[in-house]
Protein backbone atom coordinates (compact mmCIF):
# COMPACT_ATOMS: atom_id res chain seq x y z
CA VAL A 1 27.61 -84.80 1.69
CA SER A 2 24.29 -85.08 -0.14
CA ARG A 3 22.62 -82.98 2.58
CA LEU A 4 25.32 -80.35 2.28
CA GLN A 5 24.93 -80.23 -1.49
CA SER A 6 21.14 -79.98 -1.11
CA LYS A 7 21.44 -77.05 1.30
CA MET A 8 23.89 -75.32 -1.04
CA ARG A 9 21.46 -75.70 -3.94
CA GLN A 10 18.63 -74.28 -1.81
CA SER A 11 20.78 -71.31 -0.76
CA ARG A 12 21.79 -70.66 -4.37
CA ALA A 13 18.13 -70.79 -5.44
CA ALA A 14 17.14 -68.36 -2.67
CA LEU A 15 19.89 -65.93 -3.71
CA GLU A 16 18.83 -66.13 -7.35
CA ALA A 17 15.21 -65.46 -6.36
CA THR A 18 16.29 -62.46 -4.27
CA ASP A 19 18.39 -61.05 -7.12
CA THR A 20 15.51 -61.54 -9.54
CA MET A 21 13.09 -59.71 -7.22
CA SER A 22 15.58 -56.86 -6.67
CA MET A 23 16.07 -56.47 -10.44
CA LYS A 24 12.29 -56.49 -10.91
CA LEU A 25 11.75 -53.81 -8.27
CA SER A 26 14.58 -51.71 -9.73
CA THR A 27 13.05 -52.00 -13.19
CA GLU A 28 9.61 -51.02 -11.87
CA THR A 29 11.07 -48.02 -10.06
CA LYS A 30 12.85 -46.86 -13.19
CA GLU A 31 9.67 -47.30 -15.19
CA GLU A 32 7.70 -45.25 -12.65
CA VAL A 33 10.28 -42.44 -12.78
CA ALA A 34 10.31 -42.54 -16.56
CA ALA A 35 6.51 -42.58 -16.65
CA GLU A 36 6.25 -39.45 -14.44
CA GLU A 37 5.09 -36.54 -16.51
CA PRO A 38 7.61 -33.70 -16.86
CA THR A 39 6.92 -30.54 -14.88
CA PRO A 40 5.41 -27.83 -17.13
CA ALA A 41 7.77 -24.99 -17.97
CA TYR A 42 5.67 -22.44 -16.08
CA MET A 43 5.62 -24.50 -12.85
CA PHE A 44 8.15 -25.14 -10.10
CA ASP A 45 8.92 -28.59 -8.70
CA HIS A 46 8.53 -28.51 -4.92
CA ARG A 47 11.51 -30.90 -4.64
CA ALA A 48 13.88 -28.51 -6.43
CA THR A 49 16.71 -26.90 -4.48
CA SER A 50 15.74 -23.45 -5.74
CA VAL A 51 12.25 -23.82 -4.24
CA THR A 52 13.72 -24.86 -0.89
CA VAL A 53 16.06 -21.85 -0.92
CA TRP A 54 13.14 -19.55 -1.76
CA HIS A 55 11.08 -20.90 1.15
CA ASP A 56 14.02 -20.39 3.52
CA LEU A 57 14.37 -16.81 2.24
CA ILE A 58 10.69 -16.18 2.99
CA ILE A 59 11.22 -17.49 6.53
CA VAL A 60 14.10 -15.05 7.04
CA LEU A 61 11.92 -12.22 5.72
CA CYS A 62 9.14 -13.24 8.12
CA VAL A 63 11.53 -12.87 11.06
CA LEU A 64 12.83 -9.55 9.69
CA ALA A 65 9.25 -8.30 9.28
CA MET A 66 8.61 -8.99 12.95
CA TYR A 67 11.28 -6.34 13.64
CA THR A 68 10.34 -3.73 11.05
CA ILE A 69 6.53 -3.81 11.41
CA PRO A 70 6.23 -2.37 14.96
CA MET A 71 8.88 0.29 14.24
CA ASN A 72 7.07 1.27 11.06
CA VAL A 73 3.76 1.60 12.90
CA ALA A 74 5.04 3.31 16.05
CA PHE A 75 7.67 5.71 14.69
CA LEU A 76 6.90 6.36 11.02
CA GLU A 77 4.05 7.79 8.99
CA ILE A 78 2.44 6.10 5.99
CA GLY A 79 4.52 6.80 2.88
CA SER A 80 7.63 7.65 4.87
CA SER A 81 10.93 7.54 2.97
CA HIS A 82 12.79 6.10 5.96
CA PHE A 83 14.87 3.04 5.07
CA ILE A 84 12.85 0.84 7.47
CA SER A 85 9.62 1.80 5.72
CA ILE A 86 11.17 1.19 2.31
CA ALA A 87 12.55 -2.18 3.43
CA ASP A 88 9.09 -3.13 4.69
CA TYR A 89 7.57 -2.44 1.28
CA TYR A 90 10.26 -4.49 -0.46
CA ILE A 91 9.43 -7.36 1.90
CA ASP A 92 5.77 -6.98 0.96
CA PHE A 93 6.72 -7.21 -2.72
CA LEU A 94 8.55 -10.49 -2.13
CA PHE A 95 5.55 -11.83 -0.24
CA TRP A 96 3.30 -11.00 -3.20
CA ALA A 97 5.77 -12.93 -5.38
CA ASP A 98 5.57 -15.85 -2.94
CA ILE A 99 1.77 -15.92 -3.22
CA LEU A 100 2.08 -16.08 -7.00
CA LEU A 101 4.70 -18.85 -6.84
CA SER A 102 2.50 -20.85 -4.45
CA PHE A 103 -0.06 -21.10 -7.26
CA LEU A 104 2.64 -22.47 -9.56
CA THR A 105 4.43 -24.95 -7.29
CA THR A 106 3.72 -28.69 -7.38
CA TYR A 107 2.92 -30.70 -4.28
CA GLU A 108 2.73 -34.32 -3.13
CA ASP A 109 -0.68 -35.81 -2.36
CA ASP A 110 -1.56 -38.36 0.34
CA ASP A 111 -0.66 -41.24 -1.99
CA GLY A 112 2.82 -39.89 -2.67
CA ASN A 113 2.02 -38.74 -6.18
CA VAL A 114 3.38 -35.41 -7.43
CA VAL A 115 0.47 -33.19 -8.50
CA LYS A 116 1.27 -30.96 -11.48
CA ASP A 117 -2.27 -30.08 -12.51
CA TRP A 118 -2.69 -26.29 -12.09
CA PRO A 119 -6.43 -26.30 -11.16
CA LYS A 120 -5.73 -28.83 -8.38
CA ILE A 121 -2.75 -26.81 -7.14
CA ALA A 122 -4.78 -23.58 -7.11
CA LYS A 123 -7.73 -25.26 -5.35
CA ARG A 124 -5.50 -26.78 -2.69
CA TYR A 125 -3.66 -23.52 -1.96
CA THR A 126 -6.87 -21.45 -1.95
CA LEU A 127 -9.15 -23.76 0.05
CA GLU A 128 -6.79 -25.95 2.07
CA GLY A 129 -3.57 -23.93 2.14
CA SER A 130 -2.53 -20.60 3.60
CA PHE A 131 -3.78 -18.30 0.83
CA LEU A 132 -6.20 -16.37 3.07
CA SER A 133 -3.64 -15.70 5.81
CA ASP A 134 -0.96 -14.87 3.21
CA PHE A 135 -3.28 -12.39 1.50
CA ILE A 136 -4.43 -10.71 4.74
CA SER A 137 -0.84 -10.36 5.97
CA THR A 138 0.34 -8.81 2.68
CA PHE A 139 -2.48 -6.60 1.37
CA PRO A 140 -1.70 -2.90 2.10
CA PHE A 141 -4.83 -2.04 4.08
CA GLU A 142 -3.05 1.04 5.47
CA SER A 143 -3.16 2.64 2.00
CA MET A 144 -6.97 2.81 2.23
CA GLY A 145 -6.84 5.76 4.61
CA SER A 146 -4.84 7.70 7.17
CA GLY A 147 -4.80 7.79 10.93
CA GLY A 148 -5.72 4.47 12.48
CA TRP A 149 -5.40 2.63 9.18
CA LYS A 150 -1.65 2.42 9.66
CA TYR A 151 -2.19 0.04 12.58
CA THR A 152 -3.52 -2.54 10.13
CA ARG A 153 0.11 -3.23 9.27
CA CYS A 154 0.20 -5.18 12.52
CA MET A 155 -1.89 -7.81 10.74
CA ARG A 156 1.36 -8.88 9.10
CA ILE A 157 2.15 -10.71 12.32
CA VAL A 158 0.12 -13.56 10.81
CA ARG A 159 3.26 -14.38 8.86
CA VAL A 160 4.79 -15.81 12.03
CA LYS A 161 2.74 -18.95 11.31
CA ARG A 162 5.18 -19.84 8.54
CA VAL A 163 8.12 -19.49 10.91
CA LEU A 164 6.47 -21.87 13.39
CA ASN A 165 5.75 -24.39 10.62
CA ARG A 166 9.40 -24.26 9.56
CA TYR A 167 10.51 -24.69 13.18
CA HIS A 168 8.36 -27.81 13.61
CA LYS A 169 9.79 -29.20 10.36
CA LEU A 170 13.33 -28.58 11.61
CA THR A 171 12.66 -30.43 14.85
CA LEU A 172 11.66 -33.50 12.81
CA GLU A 173 14.25 -33.43 10.01
CA SER A 174 17.28 -31.51 11.29
CA ASN A 175 20.33 -33.04 12.99
CA ILE A 176 20.34 -30.12 15.42
CA SER A 177 19.30 -31.19 18.90
CA PHE A 178 15.81 -30.36 20.11
CA LEU A 179 17.28 -28.55 23.14
CA THR A 180 19.35 -26.23 20.93
CA LEU A 181 16.37 -25.43 18.71
CA SER A 182 14.19 -24.78 21.76
CA MET A 183 16.75 -22.38 23.24
CA VAL A 184 17.05 -20.46 19.97
CA LYS A 185 13.26 -20.29 19.71
CA LEU A 186 12.96 -18.98 23.28
CA VAL A 187 15.61 -16.28 22.76
CA VAL A 188 14.02 -15.10 19.49
CA ILE A 189 10.55 -14.96 21.08
CA ILE A 190 11.84 -12.92 24.04
CA ILE A 191 13.67 -10.42 21.82
CA ILE A 192 10.68 -9.95 19.49
CA ALA A 193 8.23 -9.67 22.41
CA LEU A 194 10.34 -6.98 24.11
CA HIS A 195 10.73 -5.12 20.81
CA TRP A 196 6.96 -5.13 20.19
CA ALA A 197 6.26 -4.05 23.78
CA ALA A 198 8.65 -1.08 23.54
CA CYS A 199 7.19 0.05 20.21
CA THR A 200 3.65 -0.34 21.56
CA PHE A 201 4.39 1.85 24.59
CA TYR A 202 5.87 4.52 22.32
CA ALA A 203 2.87 4.37 19.98
CA MET A 204 0.51 4.79 22.95
CA ALA A 205 2.39 7.89 24.11
CA ARG A 206 2.47 9.25 20.59
CA SER A 207 -1.30 8.80 20.24
CA VAL A 208 -1.82 11.33 23.07
CA ASN A 209 0.77 13.77 21.64
CA PHE A 210 3.43 12.83 24.19
CA ALA A 211 1.57 14.20 27.20
CA GLU A 212 3.75 15.08 30.16
CA ASP A 213 2.36 12.21 32.22
CA THR A 214 3.70 9.65 29.73
CA TRP A 215 7.17 8.14 29.93
CA THR A 216 8.10 9.84 26.64
CA GLY A 217 6.83 13.27 27.69
CA ASN A 218 10.17 14.95 28.36
CA SER A 219 12.23 13.13 25.74
CA ALA A 220 9.78 13.18 22.83
CA PRO A 221 11.96 15.36 20.55
CA GLU A 222 14.93 13.03 20.98
CA LEU A 223 12.85 9.87 20.51
CA GLY A 224 10.94 11.25 17.54
């Protein structure tokens, strides 16, 4: 009986110690959250739902741009009022907005701390982030001249890097099976590759004024 009572006292003491430690950890966690500095009014918290939705919208626009860019280059002239050309410029506007927001969005450092200091955010995005590729893929180089300058719009293909980054993140965090994601990725790549190939062949024929020995020679009026 004495042994049983002794074991019960030891178990009770262990439970009390565990409860005390849990309360201590909970208190420390609450203190850390309370001690975290509030996000400045002009900045965006990277953990916010609105920021996640914005990033997903940019990914959708990246995929849409992969469709509109080759058509814009192959079929349309610079400054065209065609709806595809207009849509492309609206997409560019949203990408400029994304570059601006990237300078104003917090991030988490290697130690798990949320960085809200603007100079650090700007330095990280400029030197370690994707600022250079974002700028090159958005700046309207085609407006600097006519003729071959319009082909610089193809530099916007650099945006596909963001789609690949999002895909890799989905494979790690999503409940969707890896096989399903791989099949979707393969289908999208095939469709985009065929689309770019068709537009490239048309642009090549157009560059020689639809000569009769090109596949567009006889049907140029209809295709144009």
